[in-house]
Amino acid sequence: MRGISRDATFFSSPLIEAYLNSDILKNHISFFPGVEGVSEAVKEKSSFPQDRRDTLVEDLLNQYHNAKIDLDEFPLVKKNILKLKNENTFTITTGQQIHIGLGPMYVLYKIWDTLSIVKQLNTLHKDQYFVPMFWMASEDHDLEEIASISYFKETKIWRTDQSGAVGRMHPGGIAELFQSFIDELNWNEIQLDFLTAAKLTYEKSETLSVAFRKLLHQYTCQTGLVIIDPDRKLLKKEFCSVMVDELNHKNGPQLERYTNQLESIGFRRQLKVRSCNLFLLENNNRIRIDDIKSITKKDIATFVNENYANLSPNAALRPLYQEWILPNVCYVGGAGELNYWLQLKGLFDNYSMAMPSFHLRTSCVLLPPKIARKFADIGFDNLFKSDKKIALLLNQNLAELDQKINTNFEKIKTSISEYDTLVNSTFKGFRLDSKWGKLQSKLNEIQSLVDHQFQKKLSQTHELDSILKIQKIYFNKESVQERRDHIGIFSQQLKLDSKTIERNFGYQSINKVLFIIT
């Protein structure tokens, strides 16, 4: 695998650069990213309540049992679950919506980062033990986002009239979607094995949550990855006090305060802040609590006590719920998740809790060997550039001419500016602003016309046409490969060996974009 700096690609942003390379966001985090941040988080989390550990282990064992997964056959997963009872054991967590068939490739990159960080920390910290954890966002209601499966140019959508929390839905009809892919397209042996496994898993599972767990476990059980479904009565009971606070609107002001602070330093809000961040899951619906007019102040504690199993944290409250029930010291997430975690510091402050260290997941581009060899000389970082810049890399003579034209053009603009300054200082009160405005418009028009001629000349080369076609497939900002292509297409990557994962992901790849030759 090869890596280049994230800031040379479209995977970067001002928010990411600020988070990784400055301290401007220090008031919105508890720990800086990296090994040192996790070490500090371990100290903070060392007082994680034993009763929550016991509840967590009990429920995880029940979750696997209910999914008909015999943990005696998977000793590393079982060991990791049981270790969570120990006060020196901590989790490194990532999470995702429960996409059909595991989802796009970036889900796998999250998992690889998590596994790599666990390995690195278990090597560095001999007195602690770290467990990789995958948090299924089973209470999410956005069915549209998880219901499509895209293989190459073929997209199939699971149609169902079910609603509410997706994890509770029955997967009827999904097996048939995978069978249609098997029947209609040509697959290699590894791809066919994955599609068949997915088909059988959804065919034999009672809910989407169980199906997702079984399929992911099938491919990660040897790594010790522990999969958690948070939509559980026993786990939510631990969170009742916060649910009462939410119904009393305790947390909204702090969430809004830190969101406003984030906006004041130039970054947008990812989450819409609500006065109450709970939903009620009832009769296959997801009802906003604020829409239930029958709950009075004196009824709140009773309402929570009677309904906590069906109360569901929204995206703003879910991270606190996660940290409440897990002895977690690091969360692995994408840029969008980073954005909304930065809104949450005040929420955690309300409960005198530290946020975990946040690790920005690695982004990757998967390239066939033939393509990688063809464009190695150009440099993969250059394939993130504009069409014109790529073209100029291929034509040195035109590149030199372009440089000369641009240099002369800048000289003209500088001369005009100097002339204007001299006229203004010589003739007080005499201004040529309107004239210069018209001239500037003409200069821009000239520059645009010359650029157009360059584009025409550059586009006449066959080599450029070939490169731009490749760029559109693998380096397309409007259709990013890792979010577009399903894990099933690259299912051989599910068998990537642990040493390669450890060597290339996690803290080894901070602020990098990796190229995987496959």
Protein backbone atom coordinates (compact mmCIF):
# COMPACT_ATOMS: atom_id res chain seq x y z
CA MET A 1 0.00 0.00 0.00
CA ARG A 2 1.12 3.54 -0.75
CA GLY A 3 0.02 6.68 1.02
CA ILE A 4 -0.06 10.40 0.30
CA SER A 5 -0.92 13.36 2.49
CA ARG A 6 -4.65 13.90 2.91
CA ASP A 7 -4.32 17.63 2.17
CA ALA A 8 -3.23 16.81 -1.40
CA THR A 9 -6.64 15.23 -2.06
CA PHE A 10 -10.34 16.02 -1.93
CA PHE A 11 -10.56 13.95 1.27
CA SER A 12 -9.37 16.97 3.21
CA SER A 13 -11.33 20.00 4.45
CA PRO A 14 -10.71 23.08 6.60
CA LEU A 15 -12.32 21.27 9.56
CA ILE A 16 -10.08 18.22 9.18
CA GLU A 17 -6.96 20.35 8.80
CA ALA A 18 -7.89 22.36 11.88
CA TYR A 19 -8.51 19.21 13.91
CA LEU A 20 -5.30 17.44 12.91
CA ASN A 21 -2.89 20.34 12.60
CA SER A 22 -3.89 23.10 15.04
CA ASP A 23 -5.43 23.70 18.45
CA ILE A 24 -8.28 25.94 17.27
CA LEU A 25 -10.79 23.21 18.20
CA LYS A 26 -9.27 22.42 21.59
CA ASN A 27 -12.36 23.66 23.46
CA HIS A 28 -14.51 21.14 21.60
CA ILE A 29 -12.54 18.00 22.45
CA SER A 30 -11.28 16.28 25.58
CA PHE A 31 -8.14 14.75 24.06
CA PHE A 32 -6.03 15.39 21.00
CA PRO A 33 -5.89 12.60 18.40
CA GLY A 34 -3.20 9.94 18.58
CA VAL A 35 -1.60 7.58 21.08
CA GLU A 36 -1.05 10.24 23.73
CA GLY A 37 -4.69 11.26 23.59
CA VAL A 38 -5.79 7.69 24.18
CA SER A 39 -3.36 7.34 27.09
CA GLU A 40 -5.00 10.36 28.72
CA ALA A 41 -8.44 8.95 27.99
CA VAL A 42 -7.49 5.70 29.74
CA LYS A 43 -6.77 7.65 32.93
CA GLU A 44 -10.17 9.35 32.72
CA LYS A 45 -12.02 6.12 32.00
CA SER A 46 -10.29 4.10 34.74
CA SER A 47 -13.20 4.86 37.08
CA PHE A 48 -15.81 3.34 34.73
CA PRO A 49 -18.44 1.78 37.05
CA GLN A 50 -18.14 -1.96 37.62
CA ASP A 51 -21.90 -2.49 37.52
CA ARG A 52 -21.99 -1.09 33.98
CA ARG A 53 -19.18 -3.46 32.99
CA ASP A 54 -21.11 -6.41 34.41
CA THR A 55 -24.30 -5.37 32.61
CA LEU A 56 -22.41 -4.88 29.34
CA VAL A 57 -20.85 -8.36 29.46
CA GLU A 58 -24.12 -10.01 30.42
CA ASP A 59 -25.98 -8.38 27.57
CA LEU A 60 -23.29 -8.99 24.94
CA LEU A 61 -23.31 -12.69 25.75
CA ASN A 62 -27.10 -12.68 25.40
CA GLN A 63 -26.90 -10.81 22.07
CA TYR A 64 -24.63 -13.44 20.53
CA HIS A 65 -26.73 -16.25 21.99
CA ASN A 66 -29.93 -14.73 20.57
CA ALA A 67 -28.25 -14.50 17.17
CA LYS A 68 -27.45 -18.23 17.45
CA ILE A 69 -23.69 -17.61 17.46
CA ASP A 70 -21.94 -20.10 19.72
CA LEU A 71 -19.07 -18.13 21.25
CA ASP A 72 -17.32 -21.32 22.34
CA GLU A 73 -16.47 -21.72 18.65
CA PHE A 74 -14.95 -18.21 18.56
CA PRO A 75 -12.62 -18.03 21.57
CA LEU A 76 -11.08 -14.61 20.79
CA VAL A 77 -14.46 -12.86 20.59
CA LYS A 78 -15.57 -14.57 23.79
CA LYS A 79 -12.31 -13.69 25.53
CA ASN A 80 -12.70 -10.03 24.53
CA ILE A 81 -16.26 -9.89 25.84
CA LEU A 82 -15.35 -11.46 29.18
CA LYS A 83 -12.31 -9.18 29.51
CA LEU A 84 -14.66 -6.19 29.59
CA LYS A 85 -15.44 -7.06 33.21
CA ASN A 86 -11.90 -6.10 34.16
CA GLU A 87 -11.19 -2.53 35.26
CA ASN A 88 -8.08 -2.36 33.08
CA THR A 89 -9.95 -3.23 29.85
CA PHE A 90 -11.12 -0.54 27.44
CA THR A 91 -12.78 -0.42 24.06
CA ILE A 92 -11.79 1.15 20.75
CA THR A 93 -15.10 1.67 18.98
CA THR A 94 -16.34 2.36 15.50
CA GLY A 95 -19.90 2.22 14.26
CA GLN A 96 -22.15 2.46 11.28
CA GLN A 97 -25.69 2.12 10.06
CA ILE A 98 -26.56 -1.50 9.33
CA HIS A 99 -26.32 -1.36 5.54
CA ILE A 100 -27.61 -4.34 3.63
CA GLY A 101 -24.68 -6.66 2.90
CA LEU A 102 -22.37 -4.61 5.21
CA GLY A 103 -22.37 -1.52 3.01
CA PRO A 104 -19.79 0.52 1.09
CA MET A 105 -16.04 0.06 1.40
CA TYR A 106 -15.48 2.81 3.96
CA VAL A 107 -17.25 0.64 6.56
CA LEU A 108 -14.41 -1.84 6.20
CA TYR A 109 -11.79 0.94 6.47
CA LYS A 110 -13.32 1.98 9.80
CA ILE A 111 -13.00 -1.58 11.07
CA TRP A 112 -9.40 -1.87 9.87
CA ASP A 113 -8.47 1.35 11.66
CA THR A 114 -10.09 0.04 14.83
CA LEU A 115 -8.28 -3.30 14.66
CA SER A 116 -4.95 -1.62 13.96
CA ILE A 117 -5.31 0.83 16.86
CA VAL A 118 -6.18 -2.04 19.22
CA LYS A 119 -3.09 -3.96 18.15
CA GLN A 120 -0.84 -0.93 18.52
CA LEU A 121 -2.23 -0.04 21.96
CA ASN A 122 -2.05 -3.60 23.26
CA THR A 123 1.63 -3.59 22.27
CA LEU A 124 2.32 -0.23 23.93
CA HIS A 125 0.24 -0.62 27.11
CA LYS A 126 1.12 -3.85 28.88
CA ASP A 127 -0.99 -2.98 31.94
CA GLN A 128 -4.20 -2.42 29.98
CA TYR A 129 -6.16 -4.46 27.48
CA PHE A 130 -8.02 -3.01 24.49
CA VAL A 131 -11.00 -4.56 22.72
CA PRO A 132 -12.21 -3.66 19.19
CA MET A 133 -15.93 -2.82 19.20
CA PHE A 134 -18.41 -2.30 16.35
CA TRP A 135 -21.53 -0.31 17.29
CA MET A 136 -24.50 -1.12 15.07
CA ALA A 137 -26.68 1.97 14.59
CA SER A 138 -29.71 -0.29 14.75
CA GLU A 139 -32.11 2.39 15.99
CA ASP A 140 -31.56 4.63 12.99
CA HIS A 141 -34.72 5.19 10.95
CA ASP A 142 -33.14 6.22 7.63
CA LEU A 143 -34.15 3.15 5.63
CA GLU A 144 -33.40 4.84 2.31
CA GLU A 145 -29.73 5.19 3.19
CA ILE A 146 -29.21 1.49 3.93
CA ALA A 147 -31.68 -0.17 1.58
CA SER A 148 -29.81 0.03 -1.74
CA ILE A 149 -27.12 -2.36 -2.98
CA SER A 150 -24.93 -1.23 -5.88
CA TYR A 151 -22.67 -3.58 -7.80
CA PHE A 152 -20.88 -1.92 -10.69
CA LYS A 153 -23.63 0.00 -12.54
CA GLU A 154 -26.45 -2.18 -11.22
CA THR A 155 -28.42 -0.89 -8.21
CA LYS A 156 -31.17 -2.79 -6.46
CA ILE A 157 -33.35 -1.35 -3.69
CA TRP A 158 -35.02 -3.31 -0.93
CA ARG A 159 -38.69 -2.31 -0.93
CA THR A 160 -40.60 -2.72 2.32
CA ASP A 161 -43.53 -1.02 4.00
CA GLN A 162 -41.91 -1.39 7.43
CA SER A 163 -40.96 1.75 9.36
CA GLY A 164 -39.29 2.75 12.60
CA ALA A 165 -35.91 1.50 13.84
CA VAL A 166 -34.25 -0.39 10.99
CA GLY A 167 -32.61 -2.95 13.28
CA ARG A 168 -36.03 -4.24 14.34
CA MET A 169 -37.22 -4.80 10.77
CA HIS A 170 -37.69 -8.27 9.27
CA PRO A 171 -35.35 -8.82 6.30
CA GLY A 172 -37.91 -10.50 4.07
CA GLY A 173 -37.05 -10.00 0.41
CA ILE A 174 -33.35 -9.19 0.87
CA ALA A 175 -32.20 -12.74 0.16
CA GLU A 176 -33.97 -12.50 -3.20
CA LEU A 177 -32.06 -9.32 -4.05
CA PHE A 178 -28.74 -11.09 -3.52
CA GLN A 179 -29.96 -14.08 -5.55
CA SER A 180 -30.81 -11.76 -8.45
CA PHE A 181 -27.28 -10.35 -8.37
CA ILE A 182 -25.91 -13.89 -8.40
CA ASP A 183 -28.06 -14.77 -11.41
CA GLU A 184 -27.56 -11.65 -13.49
CA LEU A 185 -23.84 -10.78 -13.26
CA ASN A 186 -20.53 -12.60 -13.65
CA TRP A 187 -18.55 -13.07 -10.43
CA ASN A 188 -15.24 -14.52 -9.39
CA GLU A 189 -15.20 -17.22 -6.75
CA ILE A 190 -14.58 -14.90 -3.79
CA GLN A 191 -17.33 -12.49 -4.82
CA LEU A 192 -19.76 -15.35 -5.34
CA ASP A 193 -18.94 -16.74 -1.89
CA PHE A 194 -19.77 -13.37 -0.31
CA LEU A 195 -23.05 -12.96 -2.21
CA THR A 196 -24.09 -16.49 -1.27
CA ALA A 197 -23.19 -15.92 2.38
CA ALA A 198 -25.18 -12.68 2.41
CA LYS A 199 -28.18 -14.35 0.80
CA LEU A 200 -28.21 -17.21 3.32
CA THR A 201 -27.67 -14.88 6.28
CA TYR A 202 -30.62 -12.62 5.48
CA GLU A 203 -32.73 -15.65 4.61
CA LYS A 204 -32.20 -17.20 8.04
CA SER A 205 -32.31 -14.07 10.26
CA GLU A 206 -35.28 -12.62 12.09
CA THR A 207 -34.17 -8.98 12.00
CA LEU A 208 -31.80 -6.73 10.11
CA SER A 209 -29.66 -6.36 13.26
CA VAL A 210 -29.20 -10.09 13.63
CA ALA A 211 -28.41 -10.48 9.92
CA PHE A 212 -25.82 -7.69 9.96
CA ARG A 213 -24.17 -9.13 13.09
CA LYS A 214 -23.98 -12.64 11.66
CA LEU A 215 -22.55 -11.53 8.32
CA LEU A 216 -19.98 -9.19 9.84
CA HIS A 217 -19.03 -11.77 12.47
CA GLN A 218 -18.49 -14.37 9.76
CA TYR A 219 -15.73 -12.24 8.25
CA THR A 220 -14.20 -10.69 11.39
CA CYS A 221 -14.51 -13.36 14.10
CA GLN A 222 -10.81 -14.22 13.83
CA THR A 223 -9.91 -10.60 14.71
CA GLY A 224 -11.82 -10.58 18.01
CA LEU A 225 -14.12 -7.75 16.90
CA VAL A 226 -17.07 -7.49 19.30
CA ILE A 227 -20.35 -6.38 17.73
CA ILE A 228 -22.89 -4.56 19.90
CA ASP A 229 -26.54 -3.76 19.31
CA PRO A 230 -27.43 -0.81 21.60
CA ASP A 231 -31.18 -1.29 21.18
CA ARG A 232 -31.35 -3.45 24.30
CA LYS A 233 -33.53 -3.16 27.40
CA LEU A 234 -30.75 -4.06 29.85
CA LEU A 235 -28.36 -1.47 28.41
CA LYS A 236 -30.95 1.30 28.18
CA LYS A 237 -31.92 0.79 31.81
CA GLU A 238 -28.45 2.12 32.71
CA PHE A 239 -29.26 5.29 30.79
CA CYS A 240 -32.59 6.15 32.45
CA SER A 241 -31.29 9.13 34.43
CA VAL A 242 -30.12 10.82 31.22
CA MET A 243 -33.44 10.07 29.56
CA VAL A 244 -35.20 11.87 32.41
CA ASP A 245 -32.84 14.82 31.93
CA GLU A 246 -33.67 14.91 28.22
CA LEU A 247 -37.38 15.05 28.92
CA ASN A 248 -36.64 17.92 31.31
CA HIS A 249 -34.70 19.66 28.50
CA LYS A 250 -31.48 19.78 30.50
CA ASN A 251 -29.03 19.23 27.64
CA GLY A 252 -30.34 21.34 24.77
CA PRO A 253 -28.84 24.67 25.96
CA GLN A 254 -25.32 23.21 26.27
CA LEU A 255 -25.56 21.56 22.89
CA GLU A 256 -26.66 24.84 21.33
CA ARG A 257 -23.92 26.79 23.12
CA TYR A 258 -21.09 24.63 21.82
CA THR A 259 -22.66 24.46 18.37
CA ASN A 260 -22.74 28.27 18.24
CA GLN A 261 -19.10 28.38 19.35
CA LEU A 262 -18.18 26.02 16.53
CA GLU A 263 -19.98 28.23 14.04
CA SER A 264 -18.31 31.34 15.46
CA ILE A 265 -14.88 30.00 14.45
CA GLY A 266 -16.06 29.27 10.93
CA PHE A 267 -17.40 25.71 10.90
CA ARG A 268 -20.93 24.59 10.14
CA ARG A 269 -23.21 22.54 12.34
CA GLN A 270 -23.68 18.92 11.29
CA LEU A 271 -26.47 18.15 13.76
CA LYS A 272 -29.71 19.98 14.28
CA VAL A 273 -29.93 20.68 18.02
CA ARG A 274 -33.26 19.84 19.63
CA SER A 275 -34.57 20.61 23.10
CA CYS A 276 -35.15 16.87 23.60
CA ASN A 277 -33.01 14.29 21.79
CA LEU A 278 -35.13 11.19 22.37
CA PHE A 279 -37.58 9.27 20.21
CA LEU A 280 -40.18 6.71 21.23
CA LEU A 281 -40.16 3.48 19.23
CA GLU A 282 -43.78 2.36 19.22
CA ASN A 283 -45.93 0.34 16.83
CA ASN A 284 -43.15 0.33 14.22
CA ASN A 285 -42.94 4.12 14.35
CA ARG A 286 -40.25 6.48 15.58
CA ILE A 287 -42.03 9.30 17.38
CA ARG A 288 -40.35 12.52 18.48
CA ILE A 289 -40.86 12.83 22.24
CA ASP A 290 -41.68 16.54 22.01
CA ASP A 291 -44.67 15.59 19.87
CA ILE A 292 -46.19 13.58 22.72
CA LYS A 293 -48.30 16.20 24.50
CA SER A 294 -49.56 13.91 27.25
CA ILE A 295 -46.28 13.79 29.21
CA THR A 296 -46.33 16.26 32.11
CA LYS A 297 -43.45 17.25 34.37
CA LYS A 298 -44.60 15.03 37.20
CA ASP A 299 -45.07 12.08 34.83
CA ILE A 300 -41.55 12.14 33.37
CA ALA A 301 -39.83 9.70 35.73
CA THR A 302 -42.77 7.30 35.52
CA PHE A 303 -42.87 7.57 31.72
CA VAL A 304 -39.16 6.76 31.46
CA ASN A 305 -39.42 3.87 33.91
CA GLU A 306 -42.26 2.34 31.89
CA ASN A 307 -40.87 3.01 28.40
CA TYR A 308 -37.04 3.12 28.58
CA ALA A 309 -36.66 -0.04 26.47
CA ASN A 310 -38.35 1.79 23.61
CA LEU A 311 -36.77 5.20 24.10
CA SER A 312 -34.17 5.87 21.44
CA PRO A 313 -31.37 8.49 21.52
CA ASN A 314 -31.06 10.56 18.36
CA ALA A 315 -27.74 11.33 16.65
CA ALA A 316 -26.89 14.08 19.18
CA LEU A 317 -27.47 11.88 22.23
CA ARG A 318 -26.23 8.56 20.81
CA PRO A 319 -22.52 9.27 21.45
CA LEU A 320 -23.23 9.96 25.12
CA TYR A 321 -25.22 6.72 25.35
CA GLN A 322 -22.29 4.90 23.75
CA GLU A 323 -19.80 6.30 26.24
CA TRP A 324 -22.23 5.68 29.11
CA ILE A 325 -22.38 1.94 28.54
CA LEU A 326 -18.89 1.29 27.12
CA PRO A 327 -15.48 1.77 28.77
CA ASN A 328 -14.48 3.48 25.55
CA VAL A 329 -11.32 5.56 25.03
CA CYS A 330 -11.28 6.12 21.26
CA TYR A 331 -13.90 6.45 18.55
CA VAL A 332 -13.03 5.85 14.89
CA GLY A 333 -15.23 7.87 12.55
CA GLY A 334 -15.45 9.83 9.33
CA ALA A 335 -15.40 13.55 8.64
CA GLY A 336 -19.15 13.97 9.13
CA GLU A 337 -18.97 12.21 12.49
CA LEU A 338 -16.04 14.39 13.53
CA ASN A 339 -18.15 17.44 12.74
CA TYR A 340 -21.02 16.43 15.01
CA TRP A 341 -18.80 15.10 17.82
CA LEU A 342 -17.33 18.61 17.97
CA GLN A 343 -20.82 19.92 18.84
CA LEU A 344 -21.13 17.61 21.86
CA LYS A 345 -18.53 18.80 24.40
CA GLY A 346 -21.13 20.66 26.47
CA LEU A 347 -23.35 17.59 26.61
CA PHE A 348 -20.51 15.53 28.09
CA ASP A 349 -19.64 18.39 30.46
CA ASN A 350 -23.17 18.17 31.89
CA TYR A 351 -22.28 14.71 33.20
CA SER A 352 -18.64 15.44 34.11
CA MET A 353 -17.59 12.95 31.44
CA ALA A 354 -14.68 13.18 29.05
CA MET A 355 -15.27 12.57 25.37
CA PRO A 356 -13.15 9.78 23.86
CA SER A 357 -10.19 10.50 21.65
CA PHE A 358 -11.47 10.77 18.08
CA HIS A 359 -9.55 9.06 15.28
CA LEU A 360 -10.38 10.23 11.77
CA ARG A 361 -10.78 7.07 9.72
CA THR A 362 -8.44 6.34 6.85
CA SER A 363 -9.61 7.00 3.31
CA CYS A 364 -8.49 4.65 0.54
CA VAL A 365 -8.53 4.25 -3.21
CA LEU A 366 -8.61 0.69 -4.57
CA LEU A 367 -6.80 0.29 -7.90
CA PRO A 368 -6.34 -2.74 -10.18
CA PRO A 369 -2.62 -3.57 -10.74
CA LYS A 370 -2.82 -2.66 -14.44
CA ILE A 371 -4.15 0.82 -13.67
CA ALA A 372 -1.66 1.33 -10.83
CA ARG A 373 1.28 0.48 -13.09
CA LYS A 374 0.03 2.66 -15.92
CA PHE A 375 -0.22 5.79 -13.83
CA ALA A 376 2.56 5.28 -11.29
CA ASP A 377 4.88 7.61 -13.23
CA ILE A 378 2.38 10.47 -13.14
CA GLY A 379 2.01 10.13 -9.39
CA PHE A 380 -1.31 9.18 -7.82
CA ASP A 381 -1.50 12.53 -6.02
CA ASN A 382 -1.67 14.28 -9.39
CA LEU A 383 -4.84 12.36 -10.28
CA PHE A 384 -6.68 14.43 -7.67
CA LYS A 385 -5.88 17.61 -9.64
CA SER A 386 -7.93 19.44 -12.27
CA ASP A 387 -8.13 18.27 -15.89
CA LYS A 388 -5.92 21.14 -17.02
CA LYS A 389 -3.21 20.45 -14.44
CA ILE A 390 -3.13 16.78 -15.40
CA ALA A 391 -2.92 17.72 -19.07
CA LEU A 392 -0.04 20.08 -18.46
CA LEU A 393 1.83 17.32 -16.67
CA LEU A 394 1.68 15.32 -19.89
CA ASN A 395 2.80 18.13 -22.19
CA GLN A 396 5.91 19.92 -21.00
CA ASN A 397 5.97 22.41 -23.89
CA LEU A 398 2.43 23.55 -23.22
CA ALA A 399 3.14 23.67 -19.51
CA GLU A 400 6.04 26.06 -20.10
CA LEU A 401 3.91 28.17 -22.45
CA ASP A 402 1.08 28.28 -19.91
CA GLN A 403 3.52 29.48 -17.27
CA LYS A 404 4.82 32.25 -19.53
CA ILE A 405 1.31 33.43 -20.43
CA ASN A 406 0.23 33.48 -16.80
CA THR A 407 3.40 35.31 -15.74
CA ASN A 408 2.92 37.98 -18.40
CA PHE A 409 -0.74 38.31 -17.52
CA GLU A 410 0.14 38.91 -13.86
CA LYS A 411 2.69 41.53 -14.95
CA ILE A 412 -0.06 43.35 -16.87
CA LYS A 413 -2.36 43.38 -13.81
CA THR A 414 0.48 44.54 -11.56
CA SER A 415 1.38 47.36 -13.99
CA ILE A 416 -2.24 48.51 -14.10
CA SER A 417 -2.43 48.54 -10.30
CA GLU A 418 0.83 50.55 -10.05
CA TYR A 419 -0.38 52.98 -12.72
CA ASP A 420 -3.67 53.52 -10.87
CA THR A 421 -1.86 54.17 -7.58
CA LEU A 422 0.43 56.73 -9.29
CA VAL A 423 -2.50 58.57 -10.95
CA ASN A 424 -4.45 58.72 -7.67
CA SER A 425 -1.49 60.14 -5.75
CA THR A 426 -0.70 62.72 -8.48
CA PHE A 427 -4.22 64.02 -9.11
CA LYS A 428 -6.08 64.33 -5.82
CA GLY A 429 -9.77 63.52 -6.10
CA PHE A 430 -9.37 62.09 -9.60
CA ARG A 431 -10.51 58.43 -9.75
CA LEU A 432 -10.61 55.89 -12.58
CA ASP A 433 -12.42 53.12 -10.69
CA SER A 434 -15.27 52.70 -13.20
CA LYS A 435 -12.80 52.58 -16.11
CA TRP A 436 -10.61 50.01 -14.38
CA GLY A 437 -13.70 47.90 -13.62
CA LYS A 438 -14.53 47.70 -17.32
CA LEU A 439 -10.90 46.93 -18.15
CA GLN A 440 -10.75 44.21 -15.49
CA SER A 441 -13.85 42.62 -17.01
CA LYS A 442 -12.16 42.60 -20.42
CA LEU A 443 -8.96 41.14 -18.95
CA ASN A 444 -10.96 38.31 -17.31
CA GLU A 445 -12.66 37.66 -20.63
CA ILE A 446 -9.29 37.47 -22.39
CA GLN A 447 -7.96 35.07 -19.75
CA SER A 448 -11.05 32.88 -20.12
CA LEU A 449 -10.68 32.76 -23.91
CA VAL A 450 -7.01 31.79 -23.67
CA ASP A 451 -7.83 29.10 -21.10
CA HIS A 452 -10.47 27.73 -23.45
CA GLN A 453 -7.91 27.47 -26.24
CA PHE A 454 -5.60 25.62 -23.88
CA GLN A 455 -8.37 23.19 -22.99
CA LYS A 456 -9.08 22.51 -26.66
CA LYS A 457 -5.44 21.85 -27.42
CA LEU A 458 -4.93 19.70 -24.36
CA SER A 459 -8.06 17.63 -24.97
CA GLN A 460 -6.77 16.51 -28.35
CA THR A 461 -4.35 14.00 -26.81
CA HIS A 462 -5.43 10.36 -26.55
CA GLU A 463 -3.33 9.87 -23.42
CA LEU A 464 -5.22 12.61 -21.58
CA ASP A 465 -8.57 11.12 -22.56
CA SER A 466 -7.48 7.77 -21.16
CA ILE A 467 -6.32 9.30 -17.87
CA LEU A 468 -9.49 11.35 -17.38
CA LYS A 469 -11.62 8.24 -17.84
CA ILE A 470 -9.62 6.51 -15.10
CA GLN A 471 -9.84 9.61 -12.92
CA LYS A 472 -13.64 9.65 -13.25
CA ILE A 473 -13.84 6.08 -11.95
CA TYR A 474 -11.27 6.10 -9.13
CA PHE A 475 -10.63 9.77 -8.26
CA ASN A 476 -14.06 11.31 -8.62
CA LYS A 477 -15.00 13.89 -6.00
CA GLU A 478 -18.64 13.76 -7.08
CA SER A 479 -18.84 9.97 -6.77
CA VAL A 480 -16.21 8.86 -4.26
CA GLN A 481 -15.25 5.23 -4.70
CA GLU A 482 -15.16 4.32 -1.00
CA ARG A 483 -18.74 5.57 -0.54
CA ARG A 484 -20.01 4.28 -3.88
CA ASP A 485 -18.64 0.73 -4.21
CA HIS A 486 -20.07 -2.06 -2.09
CA ILE A 487 -17.88 -4.35 0.02
CA GLY A 488 -19.15 -7.29 -2.05
CA ILE A 489 -17.28 -6.03 -5.13
CA PHE A 490 -13.98 -6.13 -3.25
CA SER A 491 -14.84 -9.04 -0.95
CA GLN A 492 -11.30 -10.37 -1.25
CA GLN A 493 -10.32 -7.46 0.99
CA LEU A 494 -12.31 -9.07 3.81
CA LYS A 495 -9.50 -11.60 3.96
CA LEU A 496 -6.72 -9.00 4.30
CA ASP A 497 -4.14 -10.31 6.75
CA SER A 498 -3.78 -8.74 10.19
CA LYS A 499 -0.14 -7.70 9.73
CA THR A 500 -0.99 -5.66 6.62
CA ILE A 501 -3.88 -4.01 8.46
CA GLU A 502 -1.71 -3.20 11.46
CA ARG A 503 1.12 -1.86 9.31
CA ASN A 504 -1.01 0.47 7.20
CA PHE A 505 -4.02 1.58 9.22
CA GLY A 506 -4.77 3.19 12.57
CA TYR A 507 -2.12 5.54 13.88
CA GLN A 508 0.18 4.60 11.00
CA SER A 509 -2.10 6.38 8.55
CA ILE A 510 -3.07 9.56 10.41
CA ASN A 511 -3.62 12.30 7.83
CA LYS A 512 -2.97 9.97 4.89
CA VAL A 513 -4.93 8.59 1.97
CA LEU A 514 -3.93 5.04 1.06
CA PHE A 515 -3.80 3.35 -2.34
CA ILE A 516 -4.59 -0.35 -2.25
CA ILE A 517 -3.55 -2.37 -5.28
CA THR A 518 -6.11 -5.13 -5.66
